[in-house]
């Protein structure tokens, strides 16, 4: 089993849901870091969601309506690990256009 550290970014996320990371086929991933940064001139709210592959009734919010003050970074993972399976999609949206930058760090096991 190979282990590979990777990071994924999405800049200027706004009111349209954006896919930040999709777990590849034949891979189990561990989310080891997840940071949201406010690039807007006012406080914004963000939602982070895991869209479970093929099982919509198991889709869950990791955070919902988290307030991010001007110029701030929110590290919601803070030492916790989240296991995601093939086809799962980590998604984000904000209440303000072009307002949030995202970085997700994962350990992919293939």
C-alpha atoms as a PDB file:
ATOM      1  CA  UNK A   1       0.000   0.000   0.000  1.00  0.00           C
ATOM      2  CA  UNK A   2       1.475   3.350  -1.101  1.00  0.00           C
ATOM      3  CA  UNK A   3       1.021   6.488   0.992  1.00  0.00           C
ATOM      4  CA  UNK A   4       1.209   9.887  -0.720  1.00  0.00           C
ATOM      5  CA  UNK A   5       0.789  13.312   0.866  1.00  0.00           C
ATOM      6  CA  UNK A   6      -1.068  15.820  -1.331  1.00  0.00           C
ATOM      7  CA  UNK A   7      -2.655  19.235  -1.084  1.00  0.00           C
ATOM      8  CA  UNK A   8      -5.505  20.740  -3.056  1.00  0.00           C
ATOM      9  CA  UNK A   9      -6.502  24.392  -3.308  1.00  0.00           C
ATOM     10  CA  UNK A  10      -9.439  26.421  -4.518  1.00  0.00           C
ATOM     11  CA  UNK A  11      -9.217  30.220  -4.721  1.00  0.00           C
ATOM     12  CA  UNK A  12     -12.014  32.766  -4.436  1.00  0.00           C
ATOM     13  CA  UNK A  13     -14.861  30.392  -3.586  1.00  0.00           C
ATOM     14  CA  UNK A  14     -18.219  32.123  -3.571  1.00  0.00           C
ATOM     15  CA  UNK A  15     -21.921  31.344  -3.516  1.00  0.00           C
ATOM     16  CA  UNK A  16     -21.722  28.465  -6.007  1.00  0.00           C
ATOM     17  CA  UNK A  17     -20.709  25.122  -4.468  1.00  0.00           C
ATOM     18  CA  UNK A  18     -17.170  24.160  -5.461  1.00  0.00           C
ATOM     19  CA  UNK A  19     -15.550  20.718  -5.412  1.00  0.00           C
ATOM     20  CA  UNK A  20     -12.228  20.980  -3.576  1.00  0.00           C
ATOM     21  CA  UNK A  21     -11.210  17.314  -3.512  1.00  0.00           C
ATOM     22  CA  UNK A  22     -12.575  14.096  -4.988  1.00  0.00           C
ATOM     23  CA  UNK A  23     -11.167  10.821  -3.679  1.00  0.00           C
ATOM     24  CA  UNK A  24      -9.742   8.824  -6.613  1.00  0.00           C
ATOM     25  CA  UNK A  25     -10.829   5.279  -7.469  1.00  0.00           C
ATOM     26  CA  UNK A  26      -9.056   2.551  -5.448  1.00  0.00           C
ATOM     27  CA  UNK A  27      -7.939   5.118  -2.865  1.00  0.00           C
ATOM     28  CA  UNK A  28      -8.763   5.780   0.759  1.00  0.00           C
ATOM     29  CA  UNK A  29      -7.820   9.263   1.889  1.00  0.00           C
ATOM     30  CA  UNK A  30      -7.292  10.832   5.274  1.00  0.00           C
ATOM     31  CA  UNK A  31      -7.964  14.562   5.495  1.00  0.00           C
ATOM     32  CA  UNK A  32      -5.172  15.803   7.740  1.00  0.00           C
ATOM     33  CA  UNK A  33      -5.617  19.547   7.270  1.00  0.00           C
ATOM     34  CA  UNK A  34      -8.317  21.915   6.050  1.00  0.00           C
ATOM     35  CA  UNK A  35      -7.981  25.687   6.127  1.00  0.00           C
ATOM     36  CA  UNK A  36     -10.377  28.416   5.009  1.00  0.00           C
ATOM     37  CA  UNK A  37      -9.131  31.974   4.540  1.00  0.00           C
ATOM     38  CA  UNK A  38     -11.276  35.086   4.210  1.00  0.00           C
ATOM     39  CA  UNK A  39     -10.070  37.275   1.324  1.00  0.00           C
ATOM     40  CA  UNK A  40     -13.072  39.609   1.461  1.00  0.00           C
ATOM     41  CA  UNK A  41     -13.414  43.013   3.167  1.00  0.00           C
ATOM     42  CA  UNK A  42     -16.089  41.802   5.606  1.00  0.00           C
ATOM     43  CA  UNK A  43     -16.830  38.730   7.710  1.00  0.00           C
ATOM     44  CA  UNK A  44     -18.074  35.801   5.596  1.00  0.00           C
ATOM     45  CA  UNK A  45     -19.757  32.491   6.357  1.00  0.00           C
ATOM     46  CA  UNK A  46     -18.715  29.186   4.814  1.00  0.00           C
ATOM     47  CA  UNK A  47     -20.047  25.637   4.623  1.00  0.00           C
ATOM     48  CA  UNK A  48     -17.877  22.542   4.136  1.00  0.00           C
ATOM     49  CA  UNK A  49     -19.702  19.416   3.029  1.00  0.00           C
ATOM     50  CA  UNK A  50     -18.807  15.799   2.267  1.00  0.00           C
ATOM     51  CA  UNK A  51     -20.812  14.446  -0.633  1.00  0.00           C
ATOM     52  CA  UNK A  52     -20.698  10.664  -0.064  1.00  0.00           C
ATOM     53  CA  UNK A  53     -20.330   8.666  -3.272  1.00  0.00           C
ATOM     54  CA  UNK A  54     -23.639   7.116  -4.260  1.00  0.00           C
ATOM     55  CA  UNK A  55     -25.280   7.524  -0.829  1.00  0.00           C
ATOM     56  CA  UNK A  56     -26.918  10.949  -0.704  1.00  0.00           C
ATOM     57  CA  UNK A  57     -28.661  10.259   2.619  1.00  0.00           C
ATOM     58  CA  UNK A  58     -25.177  10.003   4.194  1.00  0.00           C
ATOM     59  CA  UNK A  59     -23.972  13.410   2.915  1.00  0.00           C
ATOM     60  CA  UNK A  60     -22.819  15.526   5.870  1.00  0.00           C
ATOM     61  CA  UNK A  61     -21.642  19.010   6.773  1.00  0.00           C
ATOM     62  CA  UNK A  62     -18.249  19.215   8.421  1.00  0.00           C
ATOM     63  CA  UNK A  63     -18.953  22.855   9.278  1.00  0.00           C
ATOM     64  CA  UNK A  64     -22.016  24.919   8.451  1.00  0.00           C
ATOM     65  CA  UNK A  65     -22.223  28.690   8.593  1.00  0.00           C
ATOM     66  CA  UNK A  66     -18.785  29.117  10.145  1.00  0.00           C
ATOM     67  CA  UNK A  67     -17.966  32.813  10.449  1.00  0.00           C
ATOM     68  CA  UNK A  68     -14.530  33.840   9.205  1.00  0.00           C
ATOM     69  CA  UNK A  69     -13.521  37.385  10.196  1.00  0.00           C
ATOM     70  CA  UNK A  70     -11.755  39.727   7.784  1.00  0.00           C
ATOM     71  CA  UNK A  71      -8.204  38.588   7.036  1.00  0.00           C
ATOM     72  CA  UNK A  72      -8.561  35.455   9.169  1.00  0.00           C
ATOM     73  CA  UNK A  73      -7.779  31.792   8.672  1.00  0.00           C
ATOM     74  CA  UNK A  74     -10.029  29.064  10.043  1.00  0.00           C
ATOM     75  CA  UNK A  75      -8.409  25.641  10.552  1.00  0.00           C
ATOM     76  CA  UNK A  76     -11.398  23.473  11.263  1.00  0.00           C
ATOM     77  CA  UNK A  77      -9.501  20.185  11.274  1.00  0.00           C
ATOM     78  CA  UNK A  78      -7.199  21.179  14.176  1.00  0.00           C
ATOM     79  CA  UNK A  79      -5.541  17.802  14.649  1.00  0.00           C
ATOM     80  CA  UNK A  80      -8.582  15.670  13.837  1.00  0.00           C
ATOM     81  CA  UNK A  81      -8.563  13.214  10.949  1.00  0.00           C
ATOM     82  CA  UNK A  82     -11.438  12.502   8.548  1.00  0.00           C
ATOM     83  CA  UNK A  83     -11.473   9.322   6.460  1.00  0.00           C
ATOM     84  CA  UNK A  84     -13.002   9.600   2.985  1.00  0.00           C
ATOM     85  CA  UNK A  85     -13.574   6.797   0.498  1.00  0.00           C
ATOM     86  CA  UNK A  86     -13.388   6.540  -3.323  1.00  0.00           C
ATOM     87  CA  UNK A  87     -15.784   8.929  -5.041  1.00  0.00           C
ATOM     88  CA  UNK A  88     -16.436  11.060  -1.947  1.00  0.00           C
ATOM     89  CA  UNK A  89     -16.271  14.791  -2.737  1.00  0.00           C
ATOM     90  CA  UNK A  90     -15.288  17.556  -0.334  1.00  0.00           C
ATOM     91  CA  UNK A  91     -17.251  20.685  -1.264  1.00  0.00           C
ATOM     92  CA  UNK A  92     -17.345  24.279  -0.064  1.00  0.00           C
ATOM     93  CA  UNK A  93     -19.549  27.314  -0.488  1.00  0.00           C
ATOM     94  CA  UNK A  94     -19.582  30.825   0.951  1.00  0.00           C
ATOM     95  CA  UNK A  95     -22.336  33.362   1.504  1.00  0.00           C
ATOM     96  CA  UNK A  96     -20.304  35.998  -0.385  1.00  0.00           C
ATOM     97  CA  UNK A  97     -18.974  35.969  -3.957  1.00  0.00           C
ATOM     98  CA  UNK A  98     -15.229  35.323  -4.431  1.00  0.00           C
ATOM     99  CA  UNK A  99     -14.525  35.435  -0.700  1.00  0.00           C
ATOM    100  CA  UNK A 100     -12.838  32.253   0.557  1.00  0.00           C
ATOM    101  CA  UNK A 101      -9.566  30.507  -0.283  1.00  0.00           C
ATOM    102  CA  UNK A 102      -9.283  26.829   0.639  1.00  0.00           C
ATOM    103  CA  UNK A 103      -6.445  24.364   1.129  1.00  0.00           C
ATOM    104  CA  UNK A 104      -7.017  20.703   1.890  1.00  0.00           C
ATOM    105  CA  UNK A 105      -4.159  18.399   2.873  1.00  0.00           C
ATOM    106  CA  UNK A 106      -4.656  14.654   2.515  1.00  0.00           C
ATOM    107  CA  UNK A 107      -2.813  11.394   2.841  1.00  0.00           C
ATOM    108  CA  UNK A 108      -3.858   9.138  -0.017  1.00  0.00           C
ATOM    109  CA  UNK A 109      -3.518   5.381   0.467  1.00  0.00           C
ATOM    110  CA  UNK A 110      -3.592   3.313  -2.694  1.00  0.00           C
END
